[in-house]
PDB file of N, CA and C in Angstrom:
ATOM      1  N   MET A   1       0.835  -1.177   0.000  1.00  0.00           N
ATOM      2  CA  MET A   1       0.000   0.000   0.000  1.00  0.00           C
ATOM      3  C   MET A   1       0.888   1.251   0.000  1.00  0.00           C
ATOM      4  N   ALA A   2       0.576   2.192  -0.859  1.00  0.00           N
ATOM      5  CA  ALA A   2       1.399   3.392  -0.967  1.00  0.00           C
ATOM      6  C   ALA A   2       1.201   4.289   0.249  1.00  0.00           C
ATOM      7  N   LYS A   3       2.278   4.959   0.656  1.00  0.00           N
ATOM      8  CA  LYS A   3       2.220   5.849   1.811  1.00  0.00           C
ATOM      9  C   LYS A   3       1.856   7.244   1.330  1.00  0.00           C
ATOM     10  N   VAL A   4       0.604   7.392   0.850  1.00  0.00           N
ATOM     11  CA  VAL A   4       0.123   8.645   0.275  1.00  0.00           C
ATOM     12  C   VAL A   4      -1.202   9.000   0.925  1.00  0.00           C
ATOM     13  N   CYS A   5      -1.378  10.286   1.248  1.00  0.00           N
ATOM     14  CA  CYS A   5      -2.637  10.765   1.811  1.00  0.00           C
ATOM     15  C   CYS A   5      -3.706  10.744   0.716  1.00  0.00           C
ATOM     16  N   ASP A   6      -4.883  10.189   1.022  1.00  0.00           N
ATOM     17  CA  ASP A   6      -5.963  10.097   0.041  1.00  0.00           C
ATOM     18  C   ASP A   6      -6.622  11.442  -0.231  1.00  0.00           C
ATOM     19  N   ILE A   7      -6.439  12.429   0.645  1.00  0.00           N
ATOM     20  CA  ILE A   7      -7.078  13.731   0.474  1.00  0.00           C
ATOM     21  C   ILE A   7      -6.156  14.711  -0.251  1.00  0.00           C
ATOM     22  N   CYS A   8      -4.975  14.966   0.285  1.00  0.00           N
ATOM     23  CA  CYS A   8      -4.099  16.005  -0.277  1.00  0.00           C
ATOM     24  C   CYS A   8      -2.996  15.447  -1.154  1.00  0.00           C
ATOM     25  N   GLY A   9      -2.754  14.130  -1.126  1.00  0.00           N
ATOM     26  CA  GLY A   9      -1.719  13.537  -1.962  1.00  0.00           C
ATOM     27  C   GLY A   9      -0.319  13.666  -1.402  1.00  0.00           C
ATOM     28  N   LYS A  10      -0.203  14.006  -0.116  1.00  0.00           N
ATOM     29  CA  LYS A  10       1.120  14.123   0.513  1.00  0.00           C
ATOM     30  C   LYS A  10       1.793  12.763   0.510  1.00  0.00           C
ATOM     31  N   LYS A  11       3.089  12.724   0.132  1.00  0.00           N
ATOM     32  CA  LYS A  11       3.819  11.464   0.039  1.00  0.00           C
ATOM     33  C   LYS A  11       5.219  11.635   0.603  1.00  0.00           C
ATOM     34  N   PRO A  12       6.004  10.545   0.701  1.00  0.00           N
ATOM     35  CA  PRO A  12       7.328  10.641   1.306  1.00  0.00           C
ATOM     36  C   PRO A  12       8.245  11.618   0.572  1.00  0.00           C
ATOM     37  N   VAL A  13       9.136  12.247   1.353  1.00  0.00           N
ATOM     38  CA  VAL A  13      10.124  13.179   0.830  1.00  0.00           C
ATOM     39  C   VAL A  13      11.496  12.522   0.974  1.00  0.00           C
ATOM     40  N   VAL A  14      12.362  12.693  -0.030  1.00  0.00           N
ATOM     41  CA  VAL A  14      13.668  12.047  -0.036  1.00  0.00           C
ATOM     42  C   VAL A  14      14.749  13.092   0.216  1.00  0.00           C
ATOM     43  N   GLY A  15      15.739  12.707   1.020  1.00  0.00           N
ATOM     44  CA  GLY A  15      16.863  13.600   1.293  1.00  0.00           C
ATOM     45  C   GLY A  15      18.023  12.809   1.854  1.00  0.00           C
ATOM     46  N   TYR A  16      18.913  13.497   2.558  1.00  0.00           N
ATOM     47  CA  TYR A  16      20.114  12.870   3.100  1.00  0.00           C
ATOM     48  C   TYR A  16      20.180  13.031   4.608  1.00  0.00           C
ATOM     49  N   ASN A  17      20.691  11.991   5.296  1.00  0.00           N
ATOM     50  CA  ASN A  17      21.215  12.139   6.644  1.00  0.00           C
ATOM     51  C   ASN A  17      22.650  12.604   6.472  1.00  0.00           C
ATOM     52  N   VAL A  18      23.047  13.661   7.155  1.00  0.00           N
ATOM     53  CA  VAL A  18      24.401  14.176   7.018  1.00  0.00           C
ATOM     54  C   VAL A  18      25.071  14.128   8.386  1.00  0.00           C
ATOM     55  N   SER A  19      26.187  13.384   8.487  1.00  0.00           N
ATOM     56  CA  SER A  19      26.915  13.267   9.741  1.00  0.00           C
ATOM     57  C   SER A  19      27.846  14.468   9.922  1.00  0.00           C
ATOM     58  N   HIS A  20      28.503  14.525  11.086  1.00  0.00           N
ATOM     59  CA  HIS A  20      29.469  15.602  11.338  1.00  0.00           C
ATOM     60  C   HIS A  20      30.657  15.510  10.388  1.00  0.00           C
ATOM     61  N   ALA A  21      30.988  14.291   9.940  1.00  0.00           N
ATOM     62  CA  ALA A  21      32.064  14.107   8.966  1.00  0.00           C
ATOM     63  C   ALA A  21      31.569  14.340   7.544  1.00  0.00           C
ATOM     64  N   HIS A  22      30.333  14.770   7.418  1.00  0.00           N
ATOM     65  CA  HIS A  22      29.676  15.079   6.142  1.00  0.00           C
ATOM     66  C   HIS A  22      29.511  13.846   5.262  1.00  0.00           C
ATOM     67  N   ASN A  23      29.350  12.662   5.906  1.00  0.00           N
ATOM     68  CA  ASN A  23      28.965  11.461   5.169  1.00  0.00           C
ATOM     69  C   ASN A  23      27.472  11.536   4.911  1.00  0.00           C
ATOM     70  N   LYS A  24      27.070  11.239   3.688  1.00  0.00           N
ATOM     71  CA  LYS A  24      25.662  11.343   3.326  1.00  0.00           C
ATOM     72  C   LYS A  24      25.082   9.957   3.078  1.00  0.00           C
ATOM     73  N   THR A  25      23.948   9.664   3.707  1.00  0.00           N
ATOM     74  CA  THR A  25      23.195   8.443   3.438  1.00  0.00           C
ATOM     75  C   THR A  25      21.762   8.841   3.132  1.00  0.00           C
ATOM     76  N   LYS A  26      21.151   8.126   2.204  1.00  0.00           N
ATOM     77  CA  LYS A  26      19.780   8.445   1.785  1.00  0.00           C
ATOM     78  C   LYS A  26      18.799   8.215   2.927  1.00  0.00           C
ATOM     79  N   LYS A  27      17.761   9.056   2.983  1.00  0.00           N
ATOM     80  CA  LYS A  27      16.742   8.969   4.031  1.00  0.00           C
ATOM     81  C   LYS A  27      15.407   9.362   3.429  1.00  0.00           C
ATOM     82  N   ARG A  28      14.330   8.805   3.975  1.00  0.00           N
ATOM     83  CA  ARG A  28      12.977   9.182   3.562  1.00  0.00           C
ATOM     84  C   ARG A  28      12.197   9.650   4.775  1.00  0.00           C
ATOM     85  N   TRP A  29      11.464  10.742   4.624  1.00  0.00           N
ATOM     86  CA  TRP A  29      10.571  11.237   5.662  1.00  0.00           C
ATOM     87  C   TRP A  29       9.147  10.930   5.225  1.00  0.00           C
ATOM     88  N   TYR A  30       8.441  10.176   6.065  1.00  0.00           N
ATOM     89  CA  TYR A  30       7.096   9.735   5.731  1.00  0.00           C
ATOM     90  C   TYR A  30       6.055  10.663   6.347  1.00  0.00           C
ATOM     91  N   PRO A  31       4.924  10.877   5.665  1.00  0.00           N
ATOM     92  CA  PRO A  31       3.848  11.665   6.270  1.00  0.00           C
ATOM     93  C   PRO A  31       3.186  10.872   7.391  1.00  0.00           C
ATOM     94  N   ASN A  32       2.615  11.575   8.340  1.00  0.00           N
ATOM     95  CA  ASN A  32       1.949  10.948   9.478  1.00  0.00           C
ATOM     96  C   ASN A  32       0.534  10.550   9.042  1.00  0.00           C
ATOM     97  N   LEU A  33       0.388   9.322   8.543  1.00  0.00           N
ATOM     98  CA  LEU A  33      -0.896   8.853   8.024  1.00  0.00           C
ATOM     99  C   LEU A  33      -1.639   8.054   9.084  1.00  0.00           C
ATOM    100  N   GLN A  34      -2.952   8.250   9.121  1.00  0.00           N
ATOM    101  CA  GLN A  34      -3.833   7.546  10.038  1.00  0.00           C
ATOM    102  C   GLN A  34      -4.967   6.929   9.226  1.00  0.00           C
ATOM    103  N   LYS A  35      -5.428   5.737   9.638  1.00  0.00           N
ATOM    104  CA  LYS A  35      -6.612   5.141   9.024  1.00  0.00           C
ATOM    105  C   LYS A  35      -7.832   5.712   9.733  1.00  0.00           C
ATOM    106  N   VAL A  36      -8.709   6.356   8.971  1.00  0.00           N
ATOM    107  CA  VAL A  36      -9.844   7.076   9.551  1.00  0.00           C
ATOM    108  C   VAL A  36     -11.108   6.679   8.807  1.00  0.00           C
ATOM    109  N   ARG A  37     -12.193   6.488   9.565  1.00  0.00           N
ATOM    110  CA  ARG A  37     -13.501   6.281   8.950  1.00  0.00           C
ATOM    111  C   ARG A  37     -14.080   7.642   8.631  1.00  0.00           C
ATOM    112  N   CYS A  38     -14.533   7.838   7.382  1.00  0.00           N
ATOM    113  CA  CYS A  38     -15.113   9.116   7.000  1.00  0.00           C
ATOM    114  C   CYS A  38     -16.230   8.882   5.992  1.00  0.00           C
ATOM    115  N   ILE A  39     -16.976   9.933   5.752  1.00  0.00           N
ATOM    116  CA  ILE A  39     -18.081   9.865   4.795  1.00  0.00           C
ATOM    117  C   ILE A  39     -17.581  10.408   3.460  1.00  0.00           C
ATOM    118  N   GLN A  40     -17.617   9.561   2.427  1.00  0.00           N
ATOM    119  CA  GLN A  40     -17.251   9.950   1.069  1.00  0.00           C
ATOM    120  C   GLN A  40     -18.341   9.469   0.129  1.00  0.00           C
ATOM    121  N   ASP A  41     -18.883  10.373  -0.646  1.00  0.00           N
ATOM    122  CA  ASP A  41     -19.947  10.061  -1.612  1.00  0.00           C
ATOM    123  C   ASP A  41     -21.148   9.408  -0.937  1.00  0.00           C
ATOM    124  N   GLY A  42     -21.469   9.833   0.283  1.00  0.00           N
ATOM    125  CA  GLY A  42     -22.619   9.308   1.000  1.00  0.00           C
ATOM    126  C   GLY A  42     -22.412   7.957   1.639  1.00  0.00           C
ATOM    127  N   GLN A  43     -21.197   7.412   1.562  1.00  0.00           N
ATOM    128  CA  GLN A  43     -20.899   6.111   2.161  1.00  0.00           C
ATOM    129  C   GLN A  43     -19.781   6.266   3.175  1.00  0.00           C
ATOM    130  N   ILE A  44     -19.789   5.378   4.172  1.00  0.00           N
ATOM    131  CA  ILE A  44     -18.730   5.375   5.163  1.00  0.00           C
ATOM    132  C   ILE A  44     -17.588   4.519   4.634  1.00  0.00           C
ATOM    133  N   LYS A  45     -16.398   5.129   4.526  1.00  0.00           N
ATOM    134  CA  LYS A  45     -15.226   4.431   4.020  1.00  0.00           C
ATOM    135  C   LYS A  45     -14.074   4.618   4.994  1.00  0.00           C
ATOM    136  N   ARG A  46     -13.133   3.679   4.972  1.00  0.00           N
ATOM    137  CA  ARG A  46     -11.914   3.793   5.768  1.00  0.00           C
ATOM    138  C   ARG A  46     -10.788   4.191   4.818  1.00  0.00           C
ATOM    139  N   ILE A  47     -10.224   5.383   5.036  1.00  0.00           N
ATOM    140  CA  ILE A  47      -9.176   5.882   4.157  1.00  0.00           C
ATOM    141  C   ILE A  47      -7.952   6.261   4.982  1.00  0.00           C
ATOM    142  N   ARG A  48      -6.813   6.427   4.295  1.00  0.00           N
ATOM    143  CA  ARG A  48      -5.574   6.848   4.953  1.00  0.00           C
ATOM    144  C   ARG A  48      -5.418   8.347   4.743  1.00  0.00           C
ATOM    145  N   VAL A  49      -5.370   9.086   5.851  1.00  0.00           N
ATOM    146  CA  VAL A  49      -5.351  10.542   5.797  1.00  0.00           C
ATOM    147  C   VAL A  49      -4.223  11.054   6.669  1.00  0.00           C
ATOM    148  N   CYS A  50      -3.513  12.112   6.229  1.00  0.00           N
ATOM    149  CA  CYS A  50      -2.466  12.706   7.053  1.00  0.00           C
ATOM    150  C   CYS A  50      -3.112  13.535   8.164  1.00  0.00           C
ATOM    151  N   THR A  51      -2.364  13.743   9.232  1.00  0.00           N
ATOM    152  CA  THR A  51      -2.912  14.427  10.406  1.00  0.00           C
ATOM    153  C   THR A  51      -3.220  15.891  10.119  1.00  0.00           C
ATOM    154  N   SER A  52      -2.521  16.512   9.174  1.00  0.00           N
ATOM    155  CA  SER A  52      -2.834  17.902   8.855  1.00  0.00           C
ATOM    156  C   SER A  52      -4.205  18.022   8.191  1.00  0.00           C
ATOM    157  N   CYS A  53      -4.618  17.022   7.412  1.00  0.00           N
ATOM    158  CA  CYS A  53      -5.958  17.025   6.819  1.00  0.00           C
ATOM    159  C   CYS A  53      -7.031  16.789   7.893  1.00  0.00           C
ATOM    160  N   ILE A  54      -6.719  15.933   8.876  1.00  0.00           N
ATOM    161  CA  ILE A  54      -7.670  15.670   9.950  1.00  0.00           C
ATOM    162  C   ILE A  54      -7.887  16.929  10.778  1.00  0.00           C
ATOM    163  N   LYS A  55      -6.775  17.612  11.120  1.00  0.00           N
ATOM    164  CA  LYS A  55      -6.857  18.811  11.960  1.00  0.00           C
ATOM    165  C   LYS A  55      -7.560  19.960  11.249  1.00  0.00           C
ATOM    166  N   SER A  56      -7.356  20.086   9.931  1.00  0.00           N
ATOM    167  CA  SER A  56      -7.934  21.206   9.199  1.00  0.00           C
ATOM    168  C   SER A  56      -9.406  20.981   8.855  1.00  0.00           C
ATOM    169  N   GLY A  57      -9.937  19.776   9.130  1.00  0.00           N
ATOM    170  CA  GLY A  57     -11.358  19.515   8.903  1.00  0.00           C
ATOM    171  C   GLY A  57     -11.695  19.186   7.470  1.00  0.00           C
ATOM    172  N   ARG A  58     -10.755  18.662   6.702  1.00  0.00           N
ATOM    173  CA  ARG A  58     -11.022  18.321   5.305  1.00  0.00           C
ATOM    174  C   ARG A  58     -11.814  17.034   5.164  1.00  0.00           C
ATOM    175  N   ILE A  59     -11.946  16.266   6.249  1.00  0.00           N
ATOM    176  CA  ILE A  59     -12.751  15.045   6.198  1.00  0.00           C
ATOM    177  C   ILE A  59     -13.933  15.210   7.133  1.00  0.00           C
ATOM    178  N   VAL A  60     -14.997  14.467   6.848  1.00  0.00           N
ATOM    179  CA  VAL A  60     -16.197  14.482   7.689  1.00  0.00           C
ATOM    180  C   VAL A  60     -16.339  13.107   8.312  1.00  0.00           C
ATOM    181  N   LYS A  61     -16.250  13.050   9.634  1.00  0.00           N
ATOM    182  CA  LYS A  61     -16.374  11.769  10.320  1.00  0.00           C
ATOM    183  C   LYS A  61     -17.854  11.434  10.506  1.00  0.00           C
ATOM    184  N   PRO A  62     -18.187  10.135  10.478  1.00  0.00           N
ATOM    185  CA  PRO A  62     -19.600   9.753  10.642  1.00  0.00           C
ATOM    186  C   PRO A  62     -20.068   9.930  12.083  1.00  0.00           C
TER     187      PRO A  62
END
């Protein structure tokens, strides 16, 4: 299952861990996704939503 928010499309960001010796290793930062029951198209569905969408009220809980 992809780590993508079903509402805003937020997905992992890629970058580097950088040590004091300036050694670089690849790293991924994942969005904080939660499985939430919400009303979509008049039906109750369980979707994966990031916490910023939950806090901003972009979903309607049953």
